[in-house]
Amino acid sequence: MHMAKTAYTNNATPIRSDIDIEYDAIAQITRQIKHAMAENNYGKLVEALHQNRQLWTLFLGAVADEDNLLPTDIRANIFYLAQFTNIHTSNVLKGTATPDALLEVNMSVMRGLKQGKTA
């Protein structure tokens, strides 16, 4: 009887958009980088930077796809940011740079995704 009454009620799990998924992925990795820095834990930092680099490699592949529906200028900006992230990550791992610029890139993209969702 209970199943019959609740079969057509609202599902508690909201539908997540691609923007939500992208935002959450960037936010999670950004938090991991911040925590590793705060703990001064190089091993955790390396892992977080690796995950960040993998995410940006996925973004790079997505914007390089000719079927991508994003405007050309946004695709070009994401392509540039992915390249920057890759190079800067190498510099961080070599000890010649800090992760601060990577955090700023991620947070800027998160702000853009949030604005795009409300537009």
PDB file of N, CA and C in Angstrom:
ATOM      1  N   MET A   1       0.818  -1.197   0.000  1.00  0.00           N
ATOM      2  CA  MET A   1       0.000   0.000   0.000  1.00  0.00           C
ATOM      3  C   MET A   1       0.863   1.262   0.000  1.00  0.00           C
ATOM      4  N   HIS A   2       1.928   1.210   0.816  1.00  0.00           N
ATOM      5  CA  HIS A   2       2.826   2.363   0.896  1.00  0.00           C
ATOM      6  C   HIS A   2       3.441   2.664  -0.475  1.00  0.00           C
ATOM      7  N   MET A   3       3.863   1.622  -1.193  1.00  0.00           N
ATOM      8  CA  MET A   3       4.468   1.823  -2.506  1.00  0.00           C
ATOM      9  C   MET A   3       3.476   2.451  -3.476  1.00  0.00           C
ATOM     10  N   ALA A   4       2.247   2.064  -3.391  1.00  0.00           N
ATOM     11  CA  ALA A   4       1.227   2.632  -4.276  1.00  0.00           C
ATOM     12  C   ALA A   4       1.036   4.115  -3.993  1.00  0.00           C
ATOM     13  N   LYS A   5       1.084   4.508  -2.716  1.00  0.00           N
ATOM     14  CA  LYS A   5       0.899   5.915  -2.342  1.00  0.00           C
ATOM     15  C   LYS A   5       2.085   6.778  -2.743  1.00  0.00           C
ATOM     16  N   THR A   6       3.294   6.201  -2.716  1.00  0.00           N
ATOM     17  CA  THR A   6       4.489   7.006  -2.955  1.00  0.00           C
ATOM     18  C   THR A   6       5.076   6.844  -4.349  1.00  0.00           C
ATOM     19  N   ALA A   7       4.475   6.068  -5.192  1.00  0.00           N
ATOM     20  CA  ALA A   7       5.041   5.784  -6.509  1.00  0.00           C
ATOM     21  C   ALA A   7       5.229   7.032  -7.361  1.00  0.00           C
ATOM     22  N   TYR A   8       4.347   8.022  -7.204  1.00  0.00           N
ATOM     23  CA  TYR A   8       4.417   9.205  -8.044  1.00  0.00           C
ATOM     24  C   TYR A   8       4.801  10.468  -7.264  1.00  0.00           C
ATOM     25  N   THR A   9       5.357  10.311  -6.099  1.00  0.00           N
ATOM     26  CA  THR A   9       5.790  11.476  -5.337  1.00  0.00           C
ATOM     27  C   THR A   9       7.144  11.944  -5.839  1.00  0.00           C
ATOM     28  N   ASN A  10       7.553  13.125  -5.387  1.00  0.00           N
ATOM     29  CA  ASN A  10       8.846  13.680  -5.785  1.00  0.00           C
ATOM     30  C   ASN A  10       9.981  12.768  -5.370  1.00  0.00           C
ATOM     31  N   ASN A  11      10.902  12.594  -6.275  1.00  0.00           N
ATOM     32  CA  ASN A  11      12.106  11.844  -5.972  1.00  0.00           C
ATOM     33  C   ASN A  11      13.029  12.762  -5.172  1.00  0.00           C
ATOM     34  N   ALA A  12      13.646  12.263  -4.135  1.00  0.00           N
ATOM     35  CA  ALA A  12      14.499  13.080  -3.280  1.00  0.00           C
ATOM     36  C   ALA A  12      15.813  13.442  -3.955  1.00  0.00           C
ATOM     37  N   THR A  13      16.207  12.732  -5.000  1.00  0.00           N
ATOM     38  CA  THR A  13      17.464  13.003  -5.669  1.00  0.00           C
ATOM     39  C   THR A  13      17.228  13.981  -6.811  1.00  0.00           C
ATOM     40  N   PRO A  14      17.799  15.199  -6.713  1.00  0.00           N
ATOM     41  CA  PRO A  14      17.607  16.164  -7.788  1.00  0.00           C
ATOM     42  C   PRO A  14      18.407  15.766  -9.028  1.00  0.00           C
ATOM     43  N   ILE A  15      17.958  16.224 -10.170  1.00  0.00           N
ATOM     44  CA  ILE A  15      18.676  15.977 -11.411  1.00  0.00           C
ATOM     45  C   ILE A  15      19.824  16.979 -11.482  1.00  0.00           C
ATOM     46  N   ARG A  16      21.016  16.453 -11.744  1.00  0.00           N
ATOM     47  CA  ARG A  16      22.201  17.306 -11.796  1.00  0.00           C
ATOM     48  C   ARG A  16      22.556  17.601 -13.249  1.00  0.00           C
ATOM     49  N   SER A  17      22.855  18.845 -13.510  1.00  0.00           N
ATOM     50  CA  SER A  17      23.237  19.247 -14.861  1.00  0.00           C
ATOM     51  C   SER A  17      24.736  19.032 -15.062  1.00  0.00           C
ATOM     52  N   ASP A  18      25.163  19.140 -16.308  1.00  0.00           N
ATOM     53  CA  ASP A  18      26.594  19.051 -16.607  1.00  0.00           C
ATOM     54  C   ASP A  18      27.365  20.142 -15.862  1.00  0.00           C
ATOM     55  N   ILE A  19      26.776  21.320 -15.775  1.00  0.00           N
ATOM     56  CA  ILE A  19      27.428  22.426 -15.062  1.00  0.00           C
ATOM     57  C   ILE A  19      27.609  22.069 -13.591  1.00  0.00           C
ATOM     58  N   ASP A  20      26.595  21.465 -12.977  1.00  0.00           N
ATOM     59  CA  ASP A  20      26.700  21.052 -11.575  1.00  0.00           C
ATOM     60  C   ASP A  20      27.839  20.054 -11.394  1.00  0.00           C
ATOM     61  N   ILE A  21      27.922  19.106 -12.292  1.00  0.00           N
ATOM     62  CA  ILE A  21      28.950  18.064 -12.198  1.00  0.00           C
ATOM     63  C   ILE A  21      30.339  18.671 -12.373  1.00  0.00           C
ATOM     64  N   GLU A  22      30.494  19.548 -13.368  1.00  0.00           N
ATOM     65  CA  GLU A  22      31.780  20.200 -13.585  1.00  0.00           C
ATOM     66  C   GLU A  22      32.166  21.053 -12.377  1.00  0.00           C
ATOM     67  N   TYR A  23      31.209  21.821 -11.874  1.00  0.00           N
ATOM     68  CA  TYR A  23      31.467  22.680 -10.710  1.00  0.00           C
ATOM     69  C   TYR A  23      31.925  21.831  -9.519  1.00  0.00           C
ATOM     70  N   ASP A  24      31.200  20.772  -9.242  1.00  0.00           N
ATOM     71  CA  ASP A  24      31.533  19.917  -8.097  1.00  0.00           C
ATOM     72  C   ASP A  24      32.912  19.278  -8.247  1.00  0.00           C
ATOM     73  N   ALA A  25      33.257  18.856  -9.450  1.00  0.00           N
ATOM     74  CA  ALA A  25      34.573  18.239  -9.677  1.00  0.00           C
ATOM     75  C   ALA A  25      35.691  19.253  -9.420  1.00  0.00           C
ATOM     76  N   ILE A  26      35.531  20.456  -9.967  1.00  0.00           N
ATOM     77  CA  ILE A  26      36.545  21.487  -9.751  1.00  0.00           C
ATOM     78  C   ILE A  26      36.614  21.868  -8.275  1.00  0.00           C
ATOM     79  N   ALA A  27      35.462  22.007  -7.638  1.00  0.00           N
ATOM     80  CA  ALA A  27      35.429  22.397  -6.223  1.00  0.00           C
ATOM     81  C   ALA A  27      36.114  21.348  -5.345  1.00  0.00           C
ATOM     82  N   GLN A  28      35.851  20.090  -5.619  1.00  0.00           N
ATOM     83  CA  GLN A  28      36.459  19.017  -4.814  1.00  0.00           C
ATOM     84  C   GLN A  28      37.979  19.028  -4.951  1.00  0.00           C
ATOM     85  N   ILE A  29      38.471  19.141  -6.163  1.00  0.00           N
ATOM     86  CA  ILE A  29      39.912  19.143  -6.379  1.00  0.00           C
ATOM     87  C   ILE A  29      40.544  20.405  -5.783  1.00  0.00           C
ATOM     88  N   THR A  30      39.872  21.525  -5.908  1.00  0.00           N
ATOM     89  CA  THR A  30      40.379  22.769  -5.332  1.00  0.00           C
ATOM     90  C   THR A  30      40.502  22.644  -3.820  1.00  0.00           C
ATOM     91  N   ARG A  31      39.503  22.049  -3.188  1.00  0.00           N
ATOM     92  CA  ARG A  31      39.570  21.816  -1.736  1.00  0.00           C
ATOM     93  C   ARG A  31      40.746  20.905  -1.385  1.00  0.00           C
ATOM     94  N   GLN A  32      40.960  19.874  -2.194  1.00  0.00           N
ATOM     95  CA  GLN A  32      42.070  18.950  -1.923  1.00  0.00           C
ATOM     96  C   GLN A  32      43.413  19.670  -2.009  1.00  0.00           C
ATOM     97  N   ILE A  33      43.568  20.538  -2.995  1.00  0.00           N
ATOM     98  CA  ILE A  33      44.811  21.299  -3.117  1.00  0.00           C
ATOM     99  C   ILE A  33      44.990  22.211  -1.907  1.00  0.00           C
ATOM    100  N   LYS A  34      43.923  22.909  -1.524  1.00  0.00           N
ATOM    101  CA  LYS A  34      44.000  23.809  -0.363  1.00  0.00           C
ATOM    102  C   LYS A  34      44.348  23.048   0.913  1.00  0.00           C
ATOM    103  N   HIS A  35      43.712  21.900   1.126  1.00  0.00           N
ATOM    104  CA  HIS A  35      43.984  21.110   2.334  1.00  0.00           C
ATOM    105  C   HIS A  35      45.423  20.608   2.347  1.00  0.00           C
ATOM    106  N   ALA A  36      45.905  20.145   1.222  1.00  0.00           N
ATOM    107  CA  ALA A  36      47.284  19.657   1.145  1.00  0.00           C
ATOM    108  C   ALA A  36      48.269  20.780   1.451  1.00  0.00           C
ATOM    109  N   MET A  37      47.965  21.973   0.946  1.00  0.00           N
ATOM    110  CA  MET A  37      48.831  23.125   1.226  1.00  0.00           C
ATOM    111  C   MET A  37      48.782  23.485   2.705  1.00  0.00           C
ATOM    112  N   ALA A  38      47.585  23.500   3.271  1.00  0.00           N
ATOM    113  CA  ALA A  38      47.425  23.853   4.683  1.00  0.00           C
ATOM    114  C   ALA A  38      48.133  22.862   5.594  1.00  0.00           C
ATOM    115  N   GLU A  39      48.109  21.589   5.210  1.00  0.00           N
ATOM    116  CA  GLU A  39      48.751  20.544   6.003  1.00  0.00           C
ATOM    117  C   GLU A  39      50.238  20.411   5.681  1.00  0.00           C
ATOM    118  N   ASN A  40      50.687  21.161   4.666  1.00  0.00           N
ATOM    119  CA  ASN A  40      52.071  21.065   4.191  1.00  0.00           C
ATOM    120  C   ASN A  40      52.421  19.607   3.870  1.00  0.00           C
ATOM    121  N   ASN A  41      51.475  18.932   3.192  1.00  0.00           N
ATOM    122  CA  ASN A  41      51.615  17.517   2.873  1.00  0.00           C
ATOM    123  C   ASN A  41      51.897  17.377   1.376  1.00  0.00           C
ATOM    124  N   TYR A  42      53.167  17.188   1.047  1.00  0.00           N
ATOM    125  CA  TYR A  42      53.575  17.130  -0.351  1.00  0.00           C
ATOM    126  C   TYR A  42      52.933  15.957  -1.089  1.00  0.00           C
ATOM    127  N   GLY A  43      52.814  14.808  -0.457  1.00  0.00           N
ATOM    128  CA  GLY A  43      52.196  13.653  -1.099  1.00  0.00           C
ATOM    129  C   GLY A  43      50.756  13.928  -1.499  1.00  0.00           C
ATOM    130  N   LYS A  44      49.993  14.520  -0.594  1.00  0.00           N
ATOM    131  CA  LYS A  44      48.597  14.862  -0.898  1.00  0.00           C
ATOM    132  C   LYS A  44      48.526  15.949  -1.970  1.00  0.00           C
ATOM    133  N   LEU A  45      49.476  16.878  -1.916  1.00  0.00           N
ATOM    134  CA  LEU A  45      49.503  17.936  -2.930  1.00  0.00           C
ATOM    135  C   LEU A  45      49.759  17.347  -4.313  1.00  0.00           C
ATOM    136  N   VAL A  46      50.710  16.439  -4.411  1.00  0.00           N
ATOM    137  CA  VAL A  46      51.005  15.799  -5.696  1.00  0.00           C
ATOM    138  C   VAL A  46      49.768  15.084  -6.228  1.00  0.00           C
ATOM    139  N   GLU A  47      49.074  14.355  -5.370  1.00  0.00           N
ATOM    140  CA  GLU A  47      47.859  13.647  -5.793  1.00  0.00           C
ATOM    141  C   GLU A  47      46.783  14.624  -6.262  1.00  0.00           C
ATOM    142  N   ALA A  48      46.576  15.699  -5.516  1.00  0.00           N
ATOM    143  CA  ALA A  48      45.561  16.692  -5.891  1.00  0.00           C
ATOM    144  C   ALA A  48      45.936  17.387  -7.203  1.00  0.00           C
ATOM    145  N   LEU A  49      47.206  17.700  -7.371  1.00  0.00           N
ATOM    146  CA  LEU A  49      47.649  18.330  -8.617  1.00  0.00           C
ATOM    147  C   LEU A  49      47.481  17.382  -9.796  1.00  0.00           C
ATOM    148  N   HIS A  50      47.739  16.114  -9.577  1.00  0.00           N
ATOM    149  CA  HIS A  50      47.546  15.109 -10.628  1.00  0.00           C
ATOM    150  C   HIS A  50      46.070  15.049 -11.035  1.00  0.00           C
ATOM    151  N   GLN A  51      45.189  15.039 -10.056  1.00  0.00           N
ATOM    152  CA  GLN A  51      43.750  15.007 -10.349  1.00  0.00           C
ATOM    153  C   GLN A  51      43.326  16.277 -11.083  1.00  0.00           C
ATOM    154  N   ASN A  52      43.881  17.402 -10.662  1.00  0.00           N
ATOM    155  CA  ASN A  52      43.559  18.669 -11.316  1.00  0.00           C
ATOM    156  C   ASN A  52      44.016  18.647 -12.776  1.00  0.00           C
ATOM    157  N   ARG A  53      45.222  18.145 -12.992  1.00  0.00           N
ATOM    158  CA  ARG A  53      45.756  18.052 -14.358  1.00  0.00           C
ATOM    159  C   ARG A  53      44.885  17.116 -15.198  1.00  0.00           C
ATOM    160  N   GLN A  54      44.446  16.004 -14.645  1.00  0.00           N
ATOM    161  CA  GLN A  54      43.572  15.074 -15.374  1.00  0.00           C
ATOM    162  C   GLN A  54      42.251  15.737 -15.745  1.00  0.00           C
ATOM    163  N   LEU A  55      41.683  16.491 -14.813  1.00  0.00           N
ATOM    164  CA  LEU A  55      40.422  17.178 -15.086  1.00  0.00           C
ATOM    165  C   LEU A  55      40.590  18.178 -16.226  1.00  0.00           C
ATOM    166  N   TRP A  56      41.664  18.952 -16.169  1.00  0.00           N
ATOM    167  CA  TRP A  56      41.897  19.936 -17.218  1.00  0.00           C
ATOM    168  C   TRP A  56      42.208  19.265 -18.556  1.00  0.00           C
ATOM    169  N   THR A  57      42.794  18.094 -18.535  1.00  0.00           N
ATOM    170  CA  THR A  57      43.024  17.346 -19.769  1.00  0.00           C
ATOM    171  C   THR A  57      41.689  16.914 -20.374  1.00  0.00           C
ATOM    172  N   LEU A  58      40.743  16.541 -19.507  1.00  0.00           N
ATOM    173  CA  LEU A  58      39.388  16.218 -19.996  1.00  0.00           C
ATOM    174  C   LEU A  58      38.729  17.446 -20.624  1.00  0.00           C
ATOM    175  N   PHE A  59      38.860  18.596 -19.956  1.00  0.00           N
ATOM    176  CA  PHE A  59      38.297  19.835 -20.505  1.00  0.00           C
ATOM    177  C   PHE A  59      38.930  20.150 -21.860  1.00  0.00           C
ATOM    178  N   LEU A  60      40.245  19.964 -21.951  1.00  0.00           N
ATOM    179  CA  LEU A  60      40.974  20.229 -23.192  1.00  0.00           C
ATOM    180  C   LEU A  60      40.418  19.357 -24.321  1.00  0.00           C
ATOM    181  N   GLY A  61      40.231  18.085 -24.035  1.00  0.00           N
ATOM    182  CA  GLY A  61      39.674  17.186 -25.042  1.00  0.00           C
ATOM    183  C   GLY A  61      38.268  17.577 -25.452  1.00  0.00           C
ATOM    184  N   ALA A  62      37.489  18.014 -24.479  1.00  0.00           N
ATOM    185  CA  ALA A  62      36.096  18.392 -24.772  1.00  0.00           C
ATOM    186  C   ALA A  62      36.030  19.620 -25.671  1.00  0.00           C
ATOM    187  N   VAL A  63      36.857  20.626 -25.404  1.00  0.00           N
ATOM    188  CA  VAL A  63      36.785  21.843 -26.222  1.00  0.00           C
ATOM    189  C   VAL A  63      37.469  21.672 -27.574  1.00  0.00           C
ATOM    190  N   ALA A  64      38.344  20.682 -27.688  1.00  0.00           N
ATOM    191  CA  ALA A  64      38.995  20.413 -28.973  1.00  0.00           C
ATOM    192  C   ALA A  64      38.061  19.648 -29.921  1.00  0.00           C
ATOM    193  N   ASP A  65      37.009  19.059 -29.380  1.00  0.00           N
ATOM    194  CA  ASP A  65      36.043  18.306 -30.183  1.00  0.00           C
ATOM    195  C   ASP A  65      35.247  19.283 -31.050  1.00  0.00           C
ATOM    196  N   GLU A  66      35.244  19.051 -32.340  1.00  0.00           N
ATOM    197  CA  GLU A  66      34.551  19.966 -33.256  1.00  0.00           C
ATOM    198  C   GLU A  66      33.039  19.993 -33.036  1.00  0.00           C
ATOM    199  N   ASP A  67      32.497  19.005 -32.354  1.00  0.00           N
ATOM    200  CA  ASP A  67      31.061  18.973 -32.066  1.00  0.00           C
ATOM    201  C   ASP A  67      30.694  19.737 -30.794  1.00  0.00           C
ATOM    202  N   ASN A  68      31.684  20.290 -30.112  1.00  0.00           N
ATOM    203  CA  ASN A  68      31.434  21.046 -28.888  1.00  0.00           C
ATOM    204  C   ASN A  68      30.609  22.285 -29.232  1.00  0.00           C
ATOM    205  N   LEU A  69      29.553  22.527 -28.456  1.00  0.00           N
ATOM    206  CA  LEU A  69      28.622  23.611 -28.762  1.00  0.00           C
ATOM    207  C   LEU A  69      28.977  24.948 -28.104  1.00  0.00           C
ATOM    208  N   LEU A  70      30.045  24.981 -27.297  1.00  0.00           N
ATOM    209  CA  LEU A  70      30.434  26.240 -26.683  1.00  0.00           C
ATOM    210  C   LEU A  70      30.901  27.222 -27.749  1.00  0.00           C
ATOM    211  N   PRO A  71      30.709  28.522 -27.503  1.00  0.00           N
ATOM    212  CA  PRO A  71      31.227  29.519 -28.445  1.00  0.00           C
ATOM    213  C   PRO A  71      32.755  29.383 -28.596  1.00  0.00           C
ATOM    214  N   THR A  72      33.240  29.725 -29.765  1.00  0.00           N
ATOM    215  CA  THR A  72      34.658  29.564 -30.085  1.00  0.00           C
ATOM    216  C   THR A  72      35.561  30.276 -29.098  1.00  0.00           C
ATOM    217  N   ASP A  73      35.194  31.485 -28.670  1.00  0.00           N
ATOM    218  CA  ASP A  73      36.064  32.228 -27.749  1.00  0.00           C
ATOM    219  C   ASP A  73      36.160  31.551 -26.390  1.00  0.00           C
ATOM    220  N   ILE A  74      35.074  30.971 -25.919  1.00  0.00           N
ATOM    221  CA  ILE A  74      35.103  30.265 -24.637  1.00  0.00           C
ATOM    222  C   ILE A  74      35.925  28.985 -24.779  1.00  0.00           C
ATOM    223  N   ARG A  75      35.751  28.302 -25.879  1.00  0.00           N
ATOM    224  CA  ARG A  75      36.550  27.095 -26.123  1.00  0.00           C
ATOM    225  C   ARG A  75      38.034  27.431 -26.157  1.00  0.00           C
ATOM    226  N   ALA A  76      38.388  28.522 -26.795  1.00  0.00           N
ATOM    227  CA  ALA A  76      39.790  28.948 -26.873  1.00  0.00           C
ATOM    228  C   ALA A  76      40.329  29.284 -25.482  1.00  0.00           C
ATOM    229  N   ASN A  77      39.521  29.958 -24.678  1.00  0.00           N
ATOM    230  CA  ASN A  77      39.949  30.305 -23.315  1.00  0.00           C
ATOM    231  C   ASN A  77      40.173  29.055 -22.477  1.00  0.00           C
ATOM    232  N   ILE A  78      39.279  28.090 -22.578  1.00  0.00           N
ATOM    233  CA  ILE A  78      39.429  26.841 -21.819  1.00  0.00           C
ATOM    234  C   ILE A  78      40.663  26.083 -22.309  1.00  0.00           C
ATOM    235  N   PHE A  79      40.893  26.083 -23.612  1.00  0.00           N
ATOM    236  CA  PHE A  79      42.077  25.438 -24.179  1.00  0.00           C
ATOM    237  C   PHE A  79      43.338  26.075 -23.591  1.00  0.00           C
ATOM    238  N   TYR A  80      43.370  27.405 -23.574  1.00  0.00           N
ATOM    239  CA  TYR A  80      44.525  28.120 -23.017  1.00  0.00           C
ATOM    240  C   TYR A  80      44.701  27.792 -21.538  1.00  0.00           C
ATOM    241  N   LEU A  81      43.622  27.814 -20.767  1.00  0.00           N
ATOM    242  CA  LEU A  81      43.712  27.518 -19.334  1.00  0.00           C
ATOM    243  C   LEU A  81      44.192  26.093 -19.082  1.00  0.00           C
ATOM    244  N   ALA A  82      43.771  25.156 -19.923  1.00  0.00           N
ATOM    245  CA  ALA A  82      44.229  23.771 -19.781  1.00  0.00           C
ATOM    246  C   ALA A  82      45.732  23.679 -20.030  1.00  0.00           C
ATOM    247  N   GLN A  83      46.203  24.375 -21.052  1.00  0.00           N
ATOM    248  CA  GLN A  83      47.643  24.380 -21.328  1.00  0.00           C
ATOM    249  C   GLN A  83      48.407  25.040 -20.179  1.00  0.00           C
ATOM    250  N   PHE A  84      47.903  26.168 -19.702  1.00  0.00           N
ATOM    251  CA  PHE A  84      48.547  26.857 -18.583  1.00  0.00           C
ATOM    252  C   PHE A  84      48.599  25.938 -17.365  1.00  0.00           C
ATOM    253  N   THR A  85      47.491  25.279 -17.074  1.00  0.00           N
ATOM    254  CA  THR A  85      47.417  24.386 -15.911  1.00  0.00           C
ATOM    255  C   THR A  85      48.458  23.278 -16.019  1.00  0.00           C
ATOM    256  N   ASN A  86      48.607  22.718 -17.183  1.00  0.00           N
ATOM    257  CA  ASN A  86      49.576  21.649 -17.381  1.00  0.00           C
ATOM    258  C   ASN A  86      51.007  22.156 -17.128  1.00  0.00           C
ATOM    259  N   ILE A  87      51.353  23.276 -17.722  1.00  0.00           N
ATOM    260  CA  ILE A  87      52.700  23.826 -17.563  1.00  0.00           C
ATOM    261  C   ILE A  87      52.944  24.271 -16.127  1.00  0.00           C
ATOM    262  N   HIS A  88      51.973  24.968 -15.533  1.00  0.00           N
ATOM    263  CA  HIS A  88      52.157  25.480 -14.176  1.00  0.00           C
ATOM    264  C   HIS A  88      52.237  24.335 -13.164  1.00  0.00           C
ATOM    265  N   THR A  89      51.473  23.282 -13.392  1.00  0.00           N
ATOM    266  CA  THR A  89      51.543  22.119 -12.505  1.00  0.00           C
ATOM    267  C   THR A  89      52.958  21.539 -12.520  1.00  0.00           C
ATOM    268  N   SER A  90      53.551  21.443 -13.689  1.00  0.00           N
ATOM    269  CA  SER A  90      54.935  20.950 -13.782  1.00  0.00           C
ATOM    270  C   SER A  90      55.878  21.845 -12.985  1.00  0.00           C
ATOM    271  N   ASN A  91      55.674  23.140 -13.072  1.00  0.00           N
ATOM    272  CA  ASN A  91      56.514  24.079 -12.326  1.00  0.00           C
ATOM    273  C   ASN A  91      56.324  23.934 -10.818  1.00  0.00           C
ATOM    274  N   VAL A  92      55.099  23.708 -10.390  1.00  0.00           N
ATOM    275  CA  VAL A  92      54.836  23.490  -8.958  1.00  0.00           C
ATOM    276  C   VAL A  92      55.555  22.227  -8.499  1.00  0.00           C
ATOM    277  N   LEU A  93      55.461  21.182  -9.275  1.00  0.00           N
ATOM    278  CA  LEU A  93      56.095  19.920  -8.904  1.00  0.00           C
ATOM    279  C   LEU A  93      57.617  20.030  -8.889  1.00  0.00           C
ATOM    280  N   LYS A  94      58.175  20.912  -9.737  1.00  0.00           N
ATOM    281  CA  LYS A  94      59.623  21.141  -9.746  1.00  0.00           C
ATOM    282  C   LYS A  94      60.055  22.057  -8.603  1.00  0.00           C
ATOM    283  N   GLY A  95      59.079  22.694  -7.946  1.00  0.00           N
ATOM    284  CA  GLY A  95      59.397  23.601  -6.855  1.00  0.00           C
ATOM    285  C   GLY A  95      59.716  25.013  -7.292  1.00  0.00           C
ATOM    286  N   THR A  96      59.399  25.347  -8.541  1.00  0.00           N
ATOM    287  CA  THR A  96      59.686  26.686  -9.048  1.00  0.00           C
ATOM    288  C   THR A  96      58.459  27.598  -9.059  1.00  0.00           C
ATOM    289  N   ALA A  97      57.328  27.092  -8.587  1.00  0.00           N
ATOM    290  CA  ALA A  97      56.084  27.873  -8.528  1.00  0.00           C
ATOM    291  C   ALA A  97      55.227  27.336  -7.388  1.00  0.00           C
ATOM    292  N   THR A  98      54.226  28.114  -7.017  1.00  0.00           N
ATOM    293  CA  THR A  98      53.272  27.680  -5.991  1.00  0.00           C
ATOM    294  C   THR A  98      51.946  27.333  -6.673  1.00  0.00           C
ATOM    295  N   PRO A  99      51.093  26.595  -5.992  1.00  0.00           N
ATOM    296  CA  PRO A  99      49.785  26.233  -6.579  1.00  0.00           C
ATOM    297  C   PRO A  99      48.775  27.379  -6.610  1.00  0.00           C
ATOM    298  N   ASP A 100      49.143  28.546  -6.102  1.00  0.00           N
ATOM    299  CA  ASP A 100      48.178  29.645  -5.989  1.00  0.00           C
ATOM    300  C   ASP A 100      47.492  29.984  -7.310  1.00  0.00           C
ATOM    301  N   ALA A 101      48.251  30.032  -8.402  1.00  0.00           N
ATOM    302  CA  ALA A 101      47.658  30.372  -9.702  1.00  0.00           C
ATOM    303  C   ALA A 101      46.664  29.297 -10.142  1.00  0.00           C
ATOM    304  N   LEU A 102      46.965  28.043  -9.837  1.00  0.00           N
ATOM    305  CA  LEU A 102      46.040  26.953 -10.184  1.00  0.00           C
ATOM    306  C   LEU A 102      44.736  27.096  -9.409  1.00  0.00           C
ATOM    307  N   LEU A 103      44.860  27.464  -8.130  1.00  0.00           N
ATOM    308  CA  LEU A 103      43.655  27.681  -7.321  1.00  0.00           C
ATOM    309  C   LEU A 103      42.832  28.826  -7.891  1.00  0.00           C
ATOM    310  N   GLU A 104      43.500  29.893  -8.297  1.00  0.00           N
ATOM    311  CA  GLU A 104      42.784  31.046  -8.851  1.00  0.00           C
ATOM    312  C   GLU A 104      42.076  30.685 -10.154  1.00  0.00           C
ATOM    313  N   VAL A 105      42.735  29.923 -11.004  1.00  0.00           N
ATOM    314  CA  VAL A 105      42.097  29.478 -12.255  1.00  0.00           C
ATOM    315  C   VAL A 105      40.846  28.668 -11.937  1.00  0.00           C
ATOM    316  N   ASN A 106      40.989  27.696 -11.038  1.00  0.00           N
ATOM    317  CA  ASN A 106      39.845  26.854 -10.693  1.00  0.00           C
ATOM    318  C   ASN A 106      38.701  27.679 -10.111  1.00  0.00           C
ATOM    319  N   MET A 107      39.026  28.594  -9.212  1.00  0.00           N
ATOM    320  CA  MET A 107      37.971  29.392  -8.576  1.00  0.00           C
ATOM    321  C   MET A 107      37.310  30.327  -9.584  1.00  0.00           C
ATOM    322  N   SER A 108      38.078  30.862 -10.528  1.00  0.00           N
ATOM    323  CA  SER A 108      37.498  31.710 -11.572  1.00  0.00           C
ATOM    324  C   SER A 108      36.535  30.915 -12.447  1.00  0.00           C
ATOM    325  N   VAL A 109      36.920  29.704 -12.801  1.00  0.00           N
ATOM    326  CA  VAL A 109      36.039  28.859 -13.609  1.00  0.00           C
ATOM    327  C   VAL A 109      34.785  28.502 -12.814  1.00  0.00           C
ATOM    328  N   MET A 110      34.949  28.217 -11.522  1.00  0.00           N
ATOM    329  CA  MET A 110      33.784  27.916 -10.690  1.00  0.00           C
ATOM    330  C   MET A 110      32.824  29.105 -10.652  1.00  0.00           C
ATOM    331  N   ARG A 111      33.363  30.319 -10.536  1.00  0.00           N
ATOM    332  CA  ARG A 111      32.510  31.513 -10.540  1.00  0.00           C
ATOM    333  C   ARG A 111      31.768  31.628 -11.879  1.00  0.00           C
ATOM    334  N   GLY A 112      32.490  31.360 -12.975  1.00  0.00           N
ATOM    335  CA  GLY A 112      31.859  31.412 -14.292  1.00  0.00           C
ATOM    336  C   GLY A 112      30.766  30.382 -14.466  1.00  0.00           C
ATOM    337  N   LEU A 113      31.016  29.178 -13.963  1.00  0.00           N
ATOM    338  CA  LEU A 113      29.994  28.140 -14.050  1.00  0.00           C
ATOM    339  C   LEU A 113      28.760  28.518 -13.232  1.00  0.00           C
ATOM    340  N   LYS A 114      28.992  29.095 -12.061  1.00  0.00           N
ATOM    341  CA  LYS A 114      27.874  29.491 -11.213  1.00  0.00           C
ATOM    342  C   LYS A 114      27.070  30.600 -11.881  1.00  0.00           C
ATOM    343  N   GLN A 115      27.747  31.571 -12.509  1.00  0.00           N
ATOM    344  CA  GLN A 115      27.064  32.646 -13.199  1.00  0.00           C
ATOM    345  C   GLN A 115      26.289  32.103 -14.407  1.00  0.00           C
ATOM    346  N   GLY A 116      26.894  31.171 -15.124  1.00  0.00           N
ATOM    347  CA  GLY A 116      26.231  30.580 -16.285  1.00  0.00           C
ATOM    348  C   GLY A 116      24.968  29.851 -15.912  1.00  0.00           C
ATOM    349  N   LYS A 117      24.949  29.282 -14.717  1.00  0.00           N
ATOM    350  CA  LYS A 117      23.787  28.535 -14.252  1.00  0.00           C
ATOM    351  C   LYS A 117      22.632  29.473 -13.917  1.00  0.00           C
ATOM    352  N   THR A 118      22.964  30.677 -13.437  1.00  0.00           N
ATOM    353  CA  THR A 118      21.915  31.612 -13.028  1.00  0.00           C
ATOM    354  C   THR A 118      21.499  32.527 -14.175  1.00  0.00           C
ATOM    355  N   ALA A 119      22.228  32.475 -15.284  1.00  0.00           N
ATOM    356  CA  ALA A 119      21.899  33.369 -16.404  1.00  0.00           C
ATOM    357  C   ALA A 119      20.723  32.859 -17.197  1.00  0.00           C
TER     358      ALA A 119
END
